[in-house]
Amino acid sequence: MINFQYLRTTTSKSALSLISKDKNAKFLAGGTNLIDLMKRGVATPEKLIDINHVPLKQIELVGDTIIIGALASNTAVAEHPLIKEKLPLLAMALNAGASAQLRNVATVGGNMMQRTRCGYFYDTEMPCNKRQPGSGCGAIGGFNRMHAIFGTSEKCIAVHPSDMCVALIALDAIVVLANPKGERKILFKDFHRLAGDTPQLDNNLKADEMIIRLEISVNQLAKNFHYLKVRDRASYAFALVSVAAALEISADHKITEVRLSMGGVAHKPWRLTASENFLKGKEASATNFEEAAKLAMKDAKGFGENDFKIRMAPNSIIEALTVATSKA
């Protein structure tokens, strides 16, 4: 790890002022990903700006919108009565992530900003276009069991590792960003990027911006929901495939609203819009779930060792929908 300067700030205004003065500076919140990257020499910031004392830990209901501050810990969000009552899908996804110890210090904003866990990205001796643009993608033709089957490019097939973000994209969250001129809002589905020709860019956050909060409208999806995470071990493991499913079902068992998204399959949380559109207005049945799962797999492409995901993913979608529908 290189030597670095450590600064602490207590306001978002001063944090933005500091970050705008140094392109090699990074914000430090929980540090559960950034510190790992620094230890391995993948990230080499010359300055860390500790923002943990900035008052951005609120979890509250304002009108019909739930506000979650960027510095609220994953545990605080998952265990908050408001989240458990109104957004149980988010609570379930958060509790599926990492370990209890990490969730205690990891923050909402940090979770959104975490980098891929691709082994080639973490190994500075290996080629990785995300770490060093133009060096190549070691995962293509290499060890790619954990890698993407959707939205890939010739430059990168890495996946976004978050569980929380899979739920947030399904819940139509809005990200509020601060910059020196004020604030701007961006739909959560537009915050993260596909790799394309610029895999080094994980998201659309600008250099002079910071995440302030999330805004999530209260919905009617708190009864029939499920977050399914298929992984190699029961805890402290990233998803091979994950599915966030939430439905609103009428008295005659028709689907009036549905949200579906996946993790472990793309460079960003993957929303299953075609499957949602198919299911709306239809009966919540095994046949319709199977058809929705087939639609979800359009354009899926394996890279050898991750071909099994093309079979695992639709089965996971069916299971998540089935469990969500069966809840009383």
Protein backbone atom coordinates (compact mmCIF):
# COMPACT_ATOMS: atom_id res chain seq x y z
CA MET A 1 0.00 0.00 0.00
CA ILE A 2 1.34 3.43 -0.93
CA ASN A 3 1.63 6.32 1.50
CA PHE A 4 -1.41 8.59 1.47
CA GLN A 5 -2.72 11.73 3.14
CA TYR A 6 -5.71 11.34 5.46
CA LEU A 7 -8.26 14.13 5.89
CA ARG A 8 -11.54 14.21 7.80
CA THR A 9 -14.51 16.40 6.99
CA THR A 10 -17.90 16.98 8.60
CA THR A 11 -19.95 18.53 5.78
CA SER A 12 -20.77 17.51 2.24
CA LYS A 13 -19.75 20.99 1.05
CA SER A 14 -16.24 20.66 2.42
CA ALA A 15 -16.01 17.08 1.15
CA LEU A 16 -16.84 18.22 -2.36
CA SER A 17 -14.38 21.08 -2.11
CA LEU A 18 -11.59 18.69 -1.12
CA ILE A 19 -12.35 16.07 -3.78
CA SER A 20 -12.52 18.70 -6.55
CA LYS A 21 -8.99 19.88 -5.76
CA ASP A 22 -7.32 16.50 -6.19
CA LYS A 23 -8.12 13.99 -8.93
CA ASN A 24 -6.17 11.32 -7.02
CA ALA A 25 -8.31 11.64 -3.88
CA LYS A 26 -10.98 9.18 -2.79
CA PHE A 27 -13.80 9.34 -0.28
CA LEU A 28 -13.49 6.93 2.63
CA ALA A 29 -16.67 5.64 4.25
CA GLY A 30 -16.79 2.03 5.46
CA GLY A 31 -13.71 1.20 3.41
CA THR A 32 -14.68 -2.46 3.09
CA ASN A 33 -13.79 -2.48 -0.62
CA LEU A 34 -11.45 0.50 -1.04
CA ILE A 35 -8.97 -0.64 1.61
CA ASP A 36 -8.76 -4.10 0.03
CA LEU A 37 -8.01 -2.50 -3.34
CA MET A 38 -5.34 -0.31 -1.78
CA LYS A 39 -3.67 -3.25 -0.07
CA ARG A 40 -3.42 -5.05 -3.42
CA GLY A 41 -2.16 -2.01 -5.29
CA VAL A 42 -5.24 -1.85 -7.51
CA ALA A 43 -6.32 1.52 -6.10
CA THR A 44 -3.59 4.04 -5.27
CA PRO A 45 -5.24 7.23 -4.01
CA GLU A 46 -2.82 9.85 -2.73
CA LYS A 47 -5.46 11.29 -0.41
CA LEU A 48 -8.33 9.75 1.56
CA ILE A 49 -11.17 12.04 2.60
CA ASP A 50 -13.00 10.50 5.56
CA ILE A 51 -16.69 11.43 5.26
CA ASN A 52 -18.02 9.31 8.12
CA HIS A 53 -18.82 12.40 10.19
CA VAL A 54 -20.93 14.00 7.46
CA PRO A 55 -24.60 13.76 8.62
CA LEU A 56 -25.89 11.40 5.95
CA LYS A 57 -27.16 8.45 7.99
CA GLN A 58 -30.87 9.22 8.04
CA ILE A 59 -33.54 6.58 7.38
CA GLU A 60 -36.94 8.23 7.33
CA LEU A 61 -40.30 8.52 5.63
CA VAL A 62 -41.04 11.90 4.06
CA GLY A 63 -44.52 11.95 2.58
CA ASP A 64 -44.71 8.80 0.48
CA THR A 65 -40.93 8.60 -0.07
CA ILE A 66 -38.39 6.69 1.99
CA ILE A 67 -35.09 8.54 2.39
CA ILE A 68 -31.88 6.60 3.05
CA GLY A 69 -28.69 8.55 3.65
CA ALA A 70 -25.57 7.49 1.78
CA LEU A 71 -23.65 6.85 5.00
CA ALA A 72 -26.28 4.66 6.66
CA SER A 73 -24.71 1.27 7.31
CA ASN A 74 -26.02 -1.80 5.58
CA THR A 75 -27.01 -3.25 8.95
CA ALA A 76 -28.83 -0.08 10.02
CA VAL A 77 -30.88 -0.12 6.83
CA ALA A 78 -31.63 -3.84 6.89
CA GLU A 79 -32.73 -3.77 10.54
CA HIS A 80 -34.68 -0.51 10.49
CA PRO A 81 -38.41 -1.04 11.21
CA LEU A 82 -39.39 1.28 8.33
CA ILE A 83 -37.36 -0.73 5.81
CA LYS A 84 -38.55 -4.08 7.16
CA GLU A 85 -42.16 -2.94 6.90
CA LYS A 86 -42.17 -0.95 3.67
CA LEU A 87 -39.17 -2.34 1.71
CA PRO A 88 -38.63 -5.90 2.95
CA LEU A 89 -37.06 -6.90 -0.37
CA LEU A 90 -34.24 -4.44 0.29
CA ALA A 91 -33.77 -5.72 3.84
CA MET A 92 -33.60 -9.30 2.59
CA ALA A 93 -31.06 -8.47 -0.12
CA LEU A 94 -28.86 -6.56 2.33
CA ASN A 95 -28.85 -9.45 4.79
CA ALA A 96 -27.72 -11.77 2.00
CA GLY A 97 -24.58 -9.72 1.42
CA ALA A 98 -21.08 -10.26 2.81
CA SER A 99 -20.99 -11.02 6.57
CA ALA A 100 -22.55 -9.44 9.64
CA GLN A 101 -19.23 -7.81 10.53
CA LEU A 102 -18.88 -6.20 7.11
CA ARG A 103 -22.51 -5.10 7.00
CA ASN A 104 -21.97 -3.27 10.27
CA VAL A 105 -19.43 -0.91 8.69
CA ALA A 106 -20.29 -0.97 4.98
CA THR A 107 -22.39 2.00 3.83
CA VAL A 108 -25.16 2.38 1.29
CA GLY A 109 -23.08 4.73 -0.87
CA GLY A 110 -20.02 2.53 -0.59
CA ASN A 111 -22.05 -0.51 -1.56
CA MET A 112 -23.11 1.28 -4.73
CA MET A 113 -19.52 2.26 -5.51
CA GLN A 114 -17.83 -1.10 -4.93
CA ARG A 115 -15.70 -2.48 -7.74
CA THR A 116 -15.99 -5.87 -9.39
CA ARG A 117 -14.56 -8.90 -7.60
CA CYS A 118 -13.03 -10.32 -10.82
CA GLY A 119 -9.77 -12.10 -9.99
CA TYR A 120 -8.02 -10.54 -12.99
CA PHE A 121 -8.96 -7.07 -11.79
CA TYR A 122 -7.46 -7.76 -8.36
CA ASP A 123 -4.25 -9.32 -9.71
CA THR A 124 -1.96 -6.51 -10.91
CA GLU A 125 0.17 -9.03 -12.79
CA MET A 126 -2.71 -10.01 -15.07
CA PRO A 127 -4.29 -8.11 -17.99
CA CYS A 128 -7.46 -6.20 -17.13
CA ASN A 129 -9.04 -3.43 -19.18
CA LYS A 130 -10.92 -2.24 -16.12
CA ARG A 131 -7.73 -1.71 -14.13
CA GLN A 132 -5.48 -0.75 -17.06
CA PRO A 133 -7.41 0.17 -20.24
CA GLY A 134 -5.97 -1.44 -23.34
CA SER A 135 -4.21 -4.28 -21.54
CA GLY A 136 -6.82 -6.91 -22.46
CA CYS A 137 -9.37 -9.00 -20.58
CA GLY A 138 -7.86 -12.02 -18.89
CA ALA A 139 -11.28 -13.47 -18.10
CA ILE A 140 -12.17 -13.94 -21.77
CA GLY A 141 -10.64 -17.30 -22.47
CA GLY A 142 -9.50 -17.56 -18.85
CA PHE A 143 -11.12 -18.47 -15.56
CA ASN A 144 -14.59 -16.96 -15.91
CA ARG A 145 -16.93 -19.06 -13.77
CA MET A 146 -18.22 -15.99 -11.89
CA HIS A 147 -18.55 -13.74 -14.93
CA ALA A 148 -21.32 -12.10 -16.95
CA ILE A 149 -23.77 -13.61 -19.41
CA PHE A 150 -25.59 -10.35 -20.28
CA GLY A 151 -24.40 -7.01 -21.63
CA THR A 152 -20.82 -8.11 -22.12
CA SER A 153 -18.26 -6.58 -24.44
CA GLU A 154 -14.96 -7.59 -25.98
CA LYS A 155 -13.29 -5.41 -23.35
CA CYS A 156 -14.82 -6.83 -20.16
CA ILE A 157 -17.10 -9.60 -18.87
CA ALA A 158 -16.95 -8.77 -15.15
CA VAL A 159 -20.08 -8.60 -12.98
CA HIS A 160 -21.30 -6.07 -10.44
CA PRO A 161 -21.03 -7.77 -7.01
CA SER A 162 -23.72 -6.04 -4.93
CA ASP A 163 -26.84 -7.68 -3.51
CA MET A 164 -28.31 -4.41 -2.27
CA CYS A 165 -28.17 -2.88 -5.74
CA VAL A 166 -30.17 -5.74 -7.26
CA ALA A 167 -33.04 -4.89 -4.93
CA LEU A 168 -32.68 -1.13 -5.45
CA ILE A 169 -32.98 -1.36 -9.22
CA ALA A 170 -36.11 -3.46 -8.80
CA LEU A 171 -37.57 -0.88 -6.42
CA ASP A 172 -37.05 2.00 -8.88
CA ALA A 173 -34.83 3.88 -6.45
CA ILE A 174 -33.58 7.37 -7.23
CA VAL A 175 -30.00 8.41 -6.45
CA VAL A 176 -29.43 11.97 -5.25
CA LEU A 177 -25.96 13.33 -6.02
CA ALA A 178 -24.37 16.52 -4.70
CA ASN A 179 -21.92 18.67 -6.62
CA PRO A 180 -20.50 22.18 -6.14
CA LYS A 181 -23.53 23.68 -7.91
CA GLY A 182 -26.20 21.82 -5.96
CA GLU A 183 -27.89 18.46 -6.41
CA ARG A 184 -28.99 16.28 -9.27
CA LYS A 185 -31.10 13.13 -9.33
CA ILE A 186 -30.56 10.04 -11.42
CA LEU A 187 -32.65 6.89 -11.73
CA PHE A 188 -30.92 3.98 -10.07
CA LYS A 189 -31.11 1.99 -13.30
CA ASP A 190 -28.99 4.68 -14.93
CA PHE A 191 -26.38 4.99 -12.18
CA HIS A 192 -24.27 1.95 -13.10
CA ARG A 193 -22.86 1.33 -16.56
CA LEU A 194 -22.29 -1.62 -18.84
CA ALA A 195 -18.62 -2.17 -19.68
CA GLY A 196 -18.80 -1.32 -23.38
CA ASP A 197 -15.54 0.24 -24.56
CA THR A 198 -14.91 1.91 -21.17
CA PRO A 199 -14.94 -0.86 -18.56
CA GLN A 200 -12.88 1.32 -16.20
CA LEU A 201 -16.03 3.40 -15.65
CA ASP A 202 -18.39 1.56 -13.33
CA ASN A 203 -21.00 4.29 -12.99
CA ASN A 204 -22.09 7.75 -14.09
CA LEU A 205 -20.93 9.59 -10.98
CA LYS A 206 -18.91 12.64 -12.00
CA ALA A 207 -15.50 13.43 -10.51
CA ASP A 208 -16.85 16.39 -8.52
CA GLU A 209 -19.91 14.59 -7.13
CA MET A 210 -20.79 12.46 -4.13
CA ILE A 211 -23.77 10.28 -3.31
CA ILE A 212 -26.01 12.01 -0.77
CA ARG A 213 -29.07 9.79 -0.41
CA LEU A 214 -31.51 7.37 -1.98
CA GLU A 215 -35.19 8.12 -2.50
CA ILE A 216 -37.62 5.21 -2.84
CA SER A 217 -41.36 5.63 -3.29
CA VAL A 218 -43.55 3.54 -1.01
CA ASN A 219 -45.19 0.77 -3.02
CA GLN A 220 -47.54 -2.19 -2.68
CA LEU A 221 -44.79 -4.78 -3.09
CA ALA A 222 -44.13 -5.57 0.56
CA LYS A 223 -46.22 -8.74 0.77
CA ASN A 224 -45.14 -10.97 -2.12
CA PHE A 225 -41.36 -10.69 -2.44
CA HIS A 226 -38.21 -12.78 -2.38
CA TYR A 227 -34.49 -12.34 -2.82
CA LEU A 228 -32.81 -15.53 -3.99
CA LYS A 229 -29.03 -15.76 -3.89
CA VAL A 230 -27.37 -18.83 -5.37
CA ARG A 231 -23.78 -19.08 -4.17
CA ASP A 232 -21.05 -21.54 -3.36
CA ARG A 233 -21.52 -21.33 0.41
CA ALA A 234 -24.20 -20.11 2.78
CA SER A 235 -22.50 -16.84 3.77
CA TYR A 236 -19.67 -14.51 2.85
CA ALA A 237 -19.83 -15.43 -0.83
CA PHE A 238 -20.74 -13.50 -3.95
CA ALA A 239 -23.71 -14.57 -6.05
CA LEU A 240 -23.35 -16.93 -8.93
CA VAL A 241 -26.87 -15.78 -9.79
CA SER A 242 -29.30 -13.77 -7.71
CA VAL A 243 -32.90 -12.70 -8.30
CA ALA A 244 -34.98 -9.96 -6.69
CA ALA A 245 -38.70 -10.51 -7.20
CA ALA A 246 -41.64 -8.50 -5.90
CA LEU A 247 -45.26 -8.72 -7.01
CA GLU A 248 -48.64 -7.21 -6.31
CA ILE A 249 -51.33 -9.85 -6.75
CA SER A 250 -55.07 -9.22 -6.94
CA ALA A 251 -57.79 -11.24 -5.24
CA ASP A 252 -58.30 -13.28 -8.43
CA HIS A 253 -54.58 -14.17 -8.46
CA LYS A 254 -53.67 -11.82 -11.29
CA ILE A 255 -50.35 -9.96 -11.28
CA THR A 256 -51.09 -6.24 -11.19
CA GLU A 257 -47.48 -5.16 -10.62
CA VAL A 258 -44.16 -6.98 -10.78
CA ARG A 259 -40.49 -6.09 -10.38
CA LEU A 260 -37.70 -8.45 -11.41
CA SER A 261 -33.95 -8.01 -11.46
CA MET A 262 -30.83 -10.13 -11.35
CA GLY A 263 -27.33 -10.01 -9.94
CA GLY A 264 -24.19 -11.95 -10.79
CA VAL A 265 -25.01 -11.83 -14.49
CA ALA A 266 -23.92 -8.41 -15.82
CA HIS A 267 -21.59 -5.46 -15.30
CA LYS A 268 -24.51 -3.67 -13.59
CA PRO A 269 -27.65 -4.79 -11.75
CA TRP A 270 -29.79 -6.36 -14.48
CA ARG A 271 -33.47 -5.40 -14.74
CA LEU A 272 -35.75 -7.94 -16.44
CA THR A 273 -38.12 -5.50 -18.14
CA ALA A 274 -39.38 -7.88 -20.85
CA SER A 275 -40.31 -10.48 -18.25
CA GLU A 276 -42.09 -7.86 -16.15
CA ASN A 277 -44.11 -6.65 -19.11
CA PHE A 278 -45.08 -10.22 -19.97
CA LEU A 279 -46.28 -11.04 -16.45
CA LYS A 280 -48.38 -7.92 -15.84
CA GLY A 281 -52.08 -8.74 -16.02
CA LYS A 282 -51.48 -12.48 -16.18
CA GLU A 283 -52.17 -15.17 -13.64
CA ALA A 284 -49.44 -15.93 -11.15
CA SER A 285 -48.87 -19.46 -12.43
CA ALA A 286 -45.97 -21.82 -12.98
CA THR A 287 -46.54 -21.73 -16.74
CA ASN A 288 -46.32 -17.95 -16.88
CA PHE A 289 -43.26 -17.92 -14.63
CA GLU A 290 -41.52 -20.36 -16.95
CA GLU A 291 -42.32 -18.20 -19.97
CA ALA A 292 -41.08 -15.08 -18.17
CA ALA A 293 -37.84 -16.89 -17.36
CA LYS A 294 -37.37 -17.82 -21.01
CA LEU A 295 -37.87 -14.21 -22.06
CA ALA A 296 -35.27 -13.13 -19.54
CA MET A 297 -32.60 -15.24 -21.18
CA LYS A 298 -32.73 -13.56 -24.56
CA ASP A 299 -29.21 -12.63 -25.70
CA ALA A 300 -27.55 -14.52 -22.84
CA LYS A 301 -24.03 -15.63 -23.75
CA GLY A 302 -21.66 -17.86 -21.81
CA PHE A 303 -17.88 -17.84 -21.97
CA GLY A 304 -17.10 -21.44 -21.18
CA GLU A 305 -16.81 -21.94 -17.45
CA ASN A 306 -19.88 -19.79 -16.77
CA ASP A 307 -22.14 -21.53 -19.29
CA PHE A 308 -23.97 -23.15 -16.39
CA LYS A 309 -25.47 -19.73 -15.55
CA ILE A 310 -27.59 -19.92 -18.69
CA ARG A 311 -29.35 -22.91 -17.13
CA MET A 312 -29.18 -21.68 -13.55
CA ALA A 313 -30.57 -18.20 -14.20
CA PRO A 314 -34.05 -19.13 -15.54
CA ASN A 315 -34.50 -21.75 -12.84
CA SER A 316 -33.62 -19.11 -10.25
CA ILE A 317 -36.16 -16.69 -11.70
CA ILE A 318 -38.88 -19.32 -11.50
CA GLU A 319 -37.97 -20.18 -7.92
CA ALA A 320 -37.89 -16.55 -6.80
CA LEU A 321 -41.29 -15.84 -8.35
CA THR A 322 -42.76 -19.02 -6.91
CA VAL A 323 -41.55 -18.26 -3.38
CA ALA A 324 -42.65 -14.63 -3.62
CA THR A 325 -46.13 -15.66 -4.76
CA SER A 326 -46.53 -18.28 -2.04
CA LYS A 327 -46.08 -15.79 0.83
CA ALA A 328 -49.25 -15.14 2.80
